[in-house]
């Protein structure tokens, strides 16, 4: 598997490249957004590690540029910005996952492995449906009465877990496993951020469904008026 690392911090790049190579990834690197975008559009990669704050072209612009060009390579965004709104901006621009600095290198490797294997794991014969929603996991699209939203791979995995159990409680553990895999360790707040973003997606497609929090237990995707 080959990874593209787009990071302007020379010291961090020097640390991460051998970490990725020791984990079994081939690794190319770029020190600015424009170079990174060009490499990504010219070469096939299994995943990209993309810093948000970059010279010349920041990470959000890189994402928007390559997604508009049709690039579907999974992107893990690195950010020093910890607010939910900042993370949502990255997901909305086309990132599949994010990792807040500082981070444990083992988590970076685990997240990348999860992103790289997810396309092979997705086997769907048709859209999943619940209430007024339809999820096409193969094309990463969620459709409601108000339109269609393009999802990231992690968002798709989250919605798939919720739609398969529409009207039922889905535990946090189940959702963690669906999105990041059983062996991957992820901060608790990451799931909360994805739920926040999923609720925005439901509003964007005009759905009457809602994601209800069952405190201390998990979440439930409910149709209008309850289960």
C-alpha atoms as a PDB file:
ATOM      1  CA  UNK A   1       0.000   0.000   0.000  1.00  0.00           C
ATOM      2  CA  UNK A   2       1.268   3.446  -0.882  1.00  0.00           C
ATOM      3  CA  UNK A   3       0.656   6.576   1.186  1.00  0.00           C
ATOM      4  CA  UNK A   4       1.102  10.255   0.310  1.00  0.00           C
ATOM      5  CA  UNK A   5       2.135  12.449   3.253  1.00  0.00           C
ATOM      6  CA  UNK A   6       1.444  16.172   2.746  1.00  0.00           C
ATOM      7  CA  UNK A   7       3.054  17.982   5.695  1.00  0.00           C
ATOM      8  CA  UNK A   8       5.094  21.194   5.777  1.00  0.00           C
ATOM      9  CA  UNK A   9       6.751  20.559   9.155  1.00  0.00           C
ATOM     10  CA  UNK A  10      10.165  19.103   8.256  1.00  0.00           C
ATOM     11  CA  UNK A  11      10.684  17.552  11.687  1.00  0.00           C
ATOM     12  CA  UNK A  12       7.271  15.866  11.745  1.00  0.00           C
ATOM     13  CA  UNK A  13       7.706  14.629   8.189  1.00  0.00           C
ATOM     14  CA  UNK A  14      11.091  13.149   9.135  1.00  0.00           C
ATOM     15  CA  UNK A  15       9.454  11.295  12.029  1.00  0.00           C
ATOM     16  CA  UNK A  16       6.352  10.063  10.211  1.00  0.00           C
ATOM     17  CA  UNK A  17       7.922   8.710   7.033  1.00  0.00           C
ATOM     18  CA  UNK A  18       9.937   5.942   8.757  1.00  0.00           C
ATOM     19  CA  UNK A  19       6.944   5.180  11.014  1.00  0.00           C
ATOM     20  CA  UNK A  20       4.769   4.608   7.943  1.00  0.00           C
ATOM     21  CA  UNK A  21       7.452   2.609   6.153  1.00  0.00           C
ATOM     22  CA  UNK A  22       8.030   0.388   9.186  1.00  0.00           C
ATOM     23  CA  UNK A  23       4.279  -0.256   9.276  1.00  0.00           C
ATOM     24  CA  UNK A  24       4.486  -1.616   5.733  1.00  0.00           C
ATOM     25  CA  UNK A  25       3.426   1.426   3.728  1.00  0.00           C
ATOM     26  CA  UNK A  26       5.350   2.873   0.829  1.00  0.00           C
ATOM     27  CA  UNK A  27       5.494   6.623   1.390  1.00  0.00           C
ATOM     28  CA  UNK A  28       5.851   9.701  -0.815  1.00  0.00           C
ATOM     29  CA  UNK A  29       5.941  13.183   0.702  1.00  0.00           C
ATOM     30  CA  UNK A  30       5.149  16.780  -0.206  1.00  0.00           C
ATOM     31  CA  UNK A  31       5.980  19.900   1.815  1.00  0.00           C
ATOM     32  CA  UNK A  32       3.219  22.164   0.474  1.00  0.00           C
ATOM     33  CA  UNK A  33      -0.372  21.871  -0.649  1.00  0.00           C
ATOM     34  CA  UNK A  34       0.112  22.635  -4.341  1.00  0.00           C
ATOM     35  CA  UNK A  35       2.781  19.942  -4.755  1.00  0.00           C
ATOM     36  CA  UNK A  36       0.710  17.495  -2.749  1.00  0.00           C
ATOM     37  CA  UNK A  37      -2.407  18.075  -4.858  1.00  0.00           C
ATOM     38  CA  UNK A  38      -0.422  17.587  -8.053  1.00  0.00           C
ATOM     39  CA  UNK A  39       1.094  14.315  -6.816  1.00  0.00           C
ATOM     40  CA  UNK A  40      -2.289  13.052  -5.701  1.00  0.00           C
ATOM     41  CA  UNK A  41      -3.900  13.762  -9.057  1.00  0.00           C
ATOM     42  CA  UNK A  42      -1.017  12.227 -11.007  1.00  0.00           C
ATOM     43  CA  UNK A  43      -0.435   9.020  -9.021  1.00  0.00           C
ATOM     44  CA  UNK A  44      -2.553   6.235  -7.501  1.00  0.00           C
ATOM     45  CA  UNK A  45      -2.354   6.169  -3.689  1.00  0.00           C
ATOM     46  CA  UNK A  46      -4.171   3.986  -1.193  1.00  0.00           C
ATOM     47  CA  UNK A  47      -4.533   6.876   1.272  1.00  0.00           C
ATOM     48  CA  UNK A  48      -3.334  10.412   2.008  1.00  0.00           C
ATOM     49  CA  UNK A  49      -2.192  11.999   5.267  1.00  0.00           C
ATOM     50  CA  UNK A  50      -2.937  15.699   4.843  1.00  0.00           C
ATOM     51  CA  UNK A  51      -2.027  18.536   7.209  1.00  0.00           C
ATOM     52  CA  UNK A  52      -4.660  21.236   7.389  1.00  0.00           C
ATOM     53  CA  UNK A  53      -2.315  24.210   7.756  1.00  0.00           C
ATOM     54  CA  UNK A  54      -0.065  24.289   4.683  1.00  0.00           C
ATOM     55  CA  UNK A  55       1.740  27.014   2.692  1.00  0.00           C
ATOM     56  CA  UNK A  56       0.487  28.106  -0.747  1.00  0.00           C
ATOM     57  CA  UNK A  57      -2.615  25.911  -0.640  1.00  0.00           C
ATOM     58  CA  UNK A  58      -4.050  24.851   2.720  1.00  0.00           C
ATOM     59  CA  UNK A  59      -5.442  21.392   3.415  1.00  0.00           C
ATOM     60  CA  UNK A  60      -9.072  22.376   2.853  1.00  0.00           C
ATOM     61  CA  UNK A  61      -8.276  23.786  -0.586  1.00  0.00           C
ATOM     62  CA  UNK A  62      -6.257  20.671  -1.452  1.00  0.00           C
ATOM     63  CA  UNK A  63      -9.256  18.522  -0.551  1.00  0.00           C
ATOM     64  CA  UNK A  64     -11.722  20.644  -2.479  1.00  0.00           C
ATOM     65  CA  UNK A  65      -9.447  20.690  -5.539  1.00  0.00           C
ATOM     66  CA  UNK A  66      -8.853  16.943  -5.748  1.00  0.00           C
ATOM     67  CA  UNK A  67     -12.455  16.012  -4.940  1.00  0.00           C
ATOM     68  CA  UNK A  68     -13.732  18.311  -7.702  1.00  0.00           C
ATOM     69  CA  UNK A  69     -11.282  16.564 -10.057  1.00  0.00           C
ATOM     70  CA  UNK A  70     -12.875  13.209  -9.187  1.00  0.00           C
ATOM     71  CA  UNK A  71     -10.192  11.863  -6.852  1.00  0.00           C
ATOM     72  CA  UNK A  72     -11.728   9.433  -4.322  1.00  0.00           C
ATOM     73  CA  UNK A  73      -8.537   8.440  -2.487  1.00  0.00           C
ATOM     74  CA  UNK A  74      -9.214   8.225   1.293  1.00  0.00           C
ATOM     75  CA  UNK A  75      -7.826  11.261   3.147  1.00  0.00           C
ATOM     76  CA  UNK A  76      -6.836  11.428   6.814  1.00  0.00           C
ATOM     77  CA  UNK A  77      -6.527  15.072   7.833  1.00  0.00           C
ATOM     78  CA  UNK A  78      -4.123  16.194  10.555  1.00  0.00           C
ATOM     79  CA  UNK A  79      -5.177  19.289  12.451  1.00  0.00           C
ATOM     80  CA  UNK A  80      -4.065  21.262  15.490  1.00  0.00           C
ATOM     81  CA  UNK A  81      -7.569  22.762  15.653  1.00  0.00           C
ATOM     82  CA  UNK A  82      -9.615  20.859  18.212  1.00  0.00           C
ATOM     83  CA  UNK A  83     -13.079  22.469  17.960  1.00  0.00           C
ATOM     84  CA  UNK A  84     -15.891  20.372  16.541  1.00  0.00           C
ATOM     85  CA  UNK A  85     -16.559  23.094  13.947  1.00  0.00           C
ATOM     86  CA  UNK A  86     -12.963  22.898  12.694  1.00  0.00           C
ATOM     87  CA  UNK A  87     -13.159  19.130  12.343  1.00  0.00           C
ATOM     88  CA  UNK A  88     -16.505  19.382  10.570  1.00  0.00           C
ATOM     89  CA  UNK A  89     -14.975  21.827   8.066  1.00  0.00           C
ATOM     90  CA  UNK A  90     -12.435  19.161   7.117  1.00  0.00           C
ATOM     91  CA  UNK A  91     -15.050  16.439   6.757  1.00  0.00           C
ATOM     92  CA  UNK A  92     -17.263  18.733   4.707  1.00  0.00           C
ATOM     93  CA  UNK A  93     -14.380  19.526   2.375  1.00  0.00           C
ATOM     94  CA  UNK A  94     -13.983  15.819   1.630  1.00  0.00           C
ATOM     95  CA  UNK A  95     -11.799  14.277   4.358  1.00  0.00           C
ATOM     96  CA  UNK A  96     -12.604  10.702   5.360  1.00  0.00           C
ATOM     97  CA  UNK A  97     -11.172  10.976   8.871  1.00  0.00           C
ATOM     98  CA  UNK A  98      -9.193  13.378  11.027  1.00  0.00           C
ATOM     99  CA  UNK A  99      -6.582  13.190  13.766  1.00  0.00           C
ATOM    100  CA  UNK A 100      -5.884  16.041  16.197  1.00  0.00           C
ATOM    101  CA  UNK A 101      -2.269  16.958  16.956  1.00  0.00           C
ATOM    102  CA  UNK A 102      -0.456  15.837  19.025  1.00  0.00           C
ATOM    103  CA  UNK A 103      -1.261  12.198  18.324  1.00  0.00           C
ATOM    104  CA  UNK A 104       0.152   8.736  18.979  1.00  0.00           C
ATOM    105  CA  UNK A 105       1.856   7.323  15.868  1.00  0.00           C
ATOM    106  CA  UNK A 106       0.196   3.962  16.527  1.00  0.00           C
ATOM    107  CA  UNK A 107      -3.202   5.603  16.152  1.00  0.00           C
ATOM    108  CA  UNK A 108      -2.154   7.202  12.864  1.00  0.00           C
ATOM    109  CA  UNK A 109      -1.147   3.784  11.507  1.00  0.00           C
ATOM    110  CA  UNK A 110      -4.367   2.170  12.788  1.00  0.00           C
ATOM    111  CA  UNK A 111      -6.533   4.856  11.189  1.00  0.00           C
ATOM    112  CA  UNK A 112      -4.719   4.488   7.848  1.00  0.00           C
ATOM    113  CA  UNK A 113      -5.139   0.722   7.852  1.00  0.00           C
ATOM    114  CA  UNK A 114      -8.853   1.153   8.539  1.00  0.00           C
ATOM    115  CA  UNK A 115      -9.200   3.595   5.626  1.00  0.00           C
ATOM    116  CA  UNK A 116      -7.232   1.386   3.239  1.00  0.00           C
ATOM    117  CA  UNK A 117      -9.225  -1.760   3.921  1.00  0.00           C
ATOM    118  CA  UNK A 118     -12.716  -0.220   3.983  1.00  0.00           C
ATOM    119  CA  UNK A 119     -13.441  -0.354   0.206  1.00  0.00           C
ATOM    120  CA  UNK A 120     -12.787  -4.105   0.213  1.00  0.00           C
ATOM    121  CA  UNK A 121     -15.067  -4.534   3.217  1.00  0.00           C
ATOM    122  CA  UNK A 122     -18.035  -2.779   1.632  1.00  0.00           C
ATOM    123  CA  UNK A 123     -20.277  -5.354  -0.050  1.00  0.00           C
ATOM    124  CA  UNK A 124     -23.759  -4.041  -0.809  1.00  0.00           C
ATOM    125  CA  UNK A 125     -26.307  -5.326  -3.318  1.00  0.00           C
ATOM    126  CA  UNK A 126     -28.507  -2.225  -3.118  1.00  0.00           C
ATOM    127  CA  UNK A 127     -29.263   0.900  -1.115  1.00  0.00           C
ATOM    128  CA  UNK A 128     -30.063   0.629   2.582  1.00  0.00           C
ATOM    129  CA  UNK A 129     -33.353   2.340   3.435  1.00  0.00           C
ATOM    130  CA  UNK A 130     -34.966   3.703   6.572  1.00  0.00           C
ATOM    131  CA  UNK A 131     -37.705   6.305   6.914  1.00  0.00           C
ATOM    132  CA  UNK A 132     -37.149   8.673   3.964  1.00  0.00           C
ATOM    133  CA  UNK A 133     -33.437   7.859   3.650  1.00  0.00           C
ATOM    134  CA  UNK A 134     -31.493   5.732   1.177  1.00  0.00           C
ATOM    135  CA  UNK A 135     -27.790   4.996   1.626  1.00  0.00           C
ATOM    136  CA  UNK A 136     -25.751   3.799  -1.345  1.00  0.00           C
ATOM    137  CA  UNK A 137     -22.579   2.548   0.353  1.00  0.00           C
ATOM    138  CA  UNK A 138     -20.845   1.767  -2.940  1.00  0.00           C
ATOM    139  CA  UNK A 139     -21.115   5.337  -4.218  1.00  0.00           C
ATOM    140  CA  UNK A 140     -20.863   6.949  -0.746  1.00  0.00           C
ATOM    141  CA  UNK A 141     -24.177   8.795  -1.160  1.00  0.00           C
ATOM    142  CA  UNK A 142     -27.009   9.521   1.281  1.00  0.00           C
ATOM    143  CA  UNK A 143     -30.329  10.519  -0.311  1.00  0.00           C
ATOM    144  CA  UNK A 144     -33.374  12.102   1.316  1.00  0.00           C
ATOM    145  CA  UNK A 145     -36.425  14.049   0.126  1.00  0.00           C
ATOM    146  CA  UNK A 146     -34.348  17.225  -0.113  1.00  0.00           C
ATOM    147  CA  UNK A 147     -31.467  15.888  -2.184  1.00  0.00           C
ATOM    148  CA  UNK A 148     -28.301  13.806  -2.058  1.00  0.00           C
ATOM    149  CA  UNK A 149     -25.131  14.287   0.013  1.00  0.00           C
ATOM    150  CA  UNK A 150     -21.763  12.785  -0.832  1.00  0.00           C
ATOM    151  CA  UNK A 151     -20.258  11.116   2.252  1.00  0.00           C
ATOM    152  CA  UNK A 152     -16.778  10.177   3.357  1.00  0.00           C
ATOM    153  CA  UNK A 153     -15.986   6.499   3.934  1.00  0.00           C
ATOM    154  CA  UNK A 154     -16.203   6.911   7.697  1.00  0.00           C
ATOM    155  CA  UNK A 155     -19.526   8.725   7.443  1.00  0.00           C
ATOM    156  CA  UNK A 156     -20.824   5.953   5.193  1.00  0.00           C
ATOM    157  CA  UNK A 157     -19.767   3.313   7.731  1.00  0.00           C
ATOM    158  CA  UNK A 158     -21.525   5.258  10.512  1.00  0.00           C
ATOM    159  CA  UNK A 159     -24.767   5.689   8.567  1.00  0.00           C
ATOM    160  CA  UNK A 160     -24.670   2.048   7.469  1.00  0.00           C
ATOM    161  CA  UNK A 161     -24.520   0.903  11.104  1.00  0.00           C
ATOM    162  CA  UNK A 162     -27.410   3.216  12.041  1.00  0.00           C
ATOM    163  CA  UNK A 163     -29.638   2.396   9.052  1.00  0.00           C
ATOM    164  CA  UNK A 164     -29.177  -1.353   9.457  1.00  0.00           C
ATOM    165  CA  UNK A 165     -30.579  -0.948  12.965  1.00  0.00           C
ATOM    166  CA  UNK A 166     -33.077   1.829  12.245  1.00  0.00           C
ATOM    167  CA  UNK A 167     -35.329   2.439  15.237  1.00  0.00           C
ATOM    168  CA  UNK A 168     -33.054   0.442  17.542  1.00  0.00           C
ATOM    169  CA  UNK A 169     -30.400   1.447  20.049  1.00  0.00           C
ATOM    170  CA  UNK A 170     -26.887   1.138  18.611  1.00  0.00           C
ATOM    171  CA  UNK A 171     -24.190   1.084  21.266  1.00  0.00           C
ATOM    172  CA  UNK A 172     -21.154   3.338  21.123  1.00  0.00           C
ATOM    173  CA  UNK A 173     -18.975   0.223  21.002  1.00  0.00           C
ATOM    174  CA  UNK A 174     -20.811  -1.032  17.913  1.00  0.00           C
ATOM    175  CA  UNK A 175     -20.390   2.312  16.183  1.00  0.00           C
ATOM    176  CA  UNK A 176     -16.694   2.512  17.050  1.00  0.00           C
ATOM    177  CA  UNK A 177     -16.219  -0.962  15.575  1.00  0.00           C
ATOM    178  CA  UNK A 178     -18.172  -0.073  12.423  1.00  0.00           C
ATOM    179  CA  UNK A 179     -16.206   3.096  11.731  1.00  0.00           C
ATOM    180  CA  UNK A 180     -12.689   2.419  13.019  1.00  0.00           C
ATOM    181  CA  UNK A 181     -12.426  -1.333  13.496  1.00  0.00           C
ATOM    182  CA  UNK A 182     -12.131  -3.457  16.610  1.00  0.00           C
ATOM    183  CA  UNK A 183      -8.375  -3.151  17.005  1.00  0.00           C
ATOM    184  CA  UNK A 184      -8.129   0.609  16.474  1.00  0.00           C
ATOM    185  CA  UNK A 185      -7.984   2.914  19.473  1.00  0.00           C
ATOM    186  CA  UNK A 186      -9.799   6.206  18.948  1.00  0.00           C
ATOM    187  CA  UNK A 187     -10.590   9.104  21.259  1.00  0.00           C
ATOM    188  CA  UNK A 188     -14.152   9.066  22.620  1.00  0.00           C
ATOM    189  CA  UNK A 189     -14.791  12.556  21.284  1.00  0.00           C
ATOM    190  CA  UNK A 190     -14.258  11.449  17.680  1.00  0.00           C
ATOM    191  CA  UNK A 191     -17.533   9.528  17.631  1.00  0.00           C
ATOM    192  CA  UNK A 192     -19.367  12.514  19.093  1.00  0.00           C
ATOM    193  CA  UNK A 193     -17.971  14.708  16.320  1.00  0.00           C
ATOM    194  CA  UNK A 194     -19.110  12.265  13.640  1.00  0.00           C
ATOM    195  CA  UNK A 195     -22.597  12.090  15.156  1.00  0.00           C
ATOM    196  CA  UNK A 196     -22.717  15.907  15.119  1.00  0.00           C
ATOM    197  CA  UNK A 197     -21.780  15.901  11.449  1.00  0.00           C
ATOM    198  CA  UNK A 198     -24.232  13.086  10.620  1.00  0.00           C
ATOM    199  CA  UNK A 199     -27.051  15.192  12.057  1.00  0.00           C
ATOM    200  CA  UNK A 200     -26.034  18.006   9.743  1.00  0.00           C
ATOM    201  CA  UNK A 201     -26.144  15.571   6.823  1.00  0.00           C
ATOM    202  CA  UNK A 202     -29.698  14.565   7.728  1.00  0.00           C
ATOM    203  CA  UNK A 203     -30.735  18.214   7.679  1.00  0.00           C
ATOM    204  CA  UNK A 204     -28.919  18.775   4.390  1.00  0.00           C
ATOM    205  CA  UNK A 205     -30.897  16.024   2.625  1.00  0.00           C
ATOM    206  CA  UNK A 206     -34.182  17.175   4.182  1.00  0.00           C
ATOM    207  CA  UNK A 207     -34.811  13.990   6.138  1.00  0.00           C
ATOM    208  CA  UNK A 208     -37.437  13.651   8.863  1.00  0.00           C
ATOM    209  CA  UNK A 209     -35.212  11.081  10.588  1.00  0.00           C
ATOM    210  CA  UNK A 210     -33.131  12.080  13.587  1.00  0.00           C
ATOM    211  CA  UNK A 211     -30.259  10.609  15.574  1.00  0.00           C
ATOM    212  CA  UNK A 212     -31.261  10.478  19.235  1.00  0.00           C
ATOM    213  CA  UNK A 213     -28.743  10.200  22.056  1.00  0.00           C
ATOM    214  CA  UNK A 214     -29.404   7.513  24.643  1.00  0.00           C
ATOM    215  CA  UNK A 215     -27.216   8.833  27.430  1.00  0.00           C
ATOM    216  CA  UNK A 216     -24.554   6.409  28.573  1.00  0.00           C
ATOM    217  CA  UNK A 217     -25.612   3.768  26.032  1.00  0.00           C
ATOM    218  CA  UNK A 218     -25.422   4.913  22.418  1.00  0.00           C
ATOM    219  CA  UNK A 219     -27.563   6.333  19.633  1.00  0.00           C
ATOM    220  CA  UNK A 220     -30.774   5.542  17.789  1.00  0.00           C
ATOM    221  CA  UNK A 221     -31.815   6.581  14.287  1.00  0.00           C
ATOM    222  CA  UNK A 222     -35.509   7.395  14.587  1.00  0.00           C
ATOM    223  CA  UNK A 223     -38.207   8.271  12.112  1.00  0.00           C
ATOM    224  CA  UNK A 224     -40.286  11.403  12.670  1.00  0.00           C
ATOM    225  CA  UNK A 225     -42.503  10.904  15.699  1.00  0.00           C
ATOM    226  CA  UNK A 226     -40.294   8.285  17.330  1.00  0.00           C
ATOM    227  CA  UNK A 227     -39.586   4.623  16.761  1.00  0.00           C
END
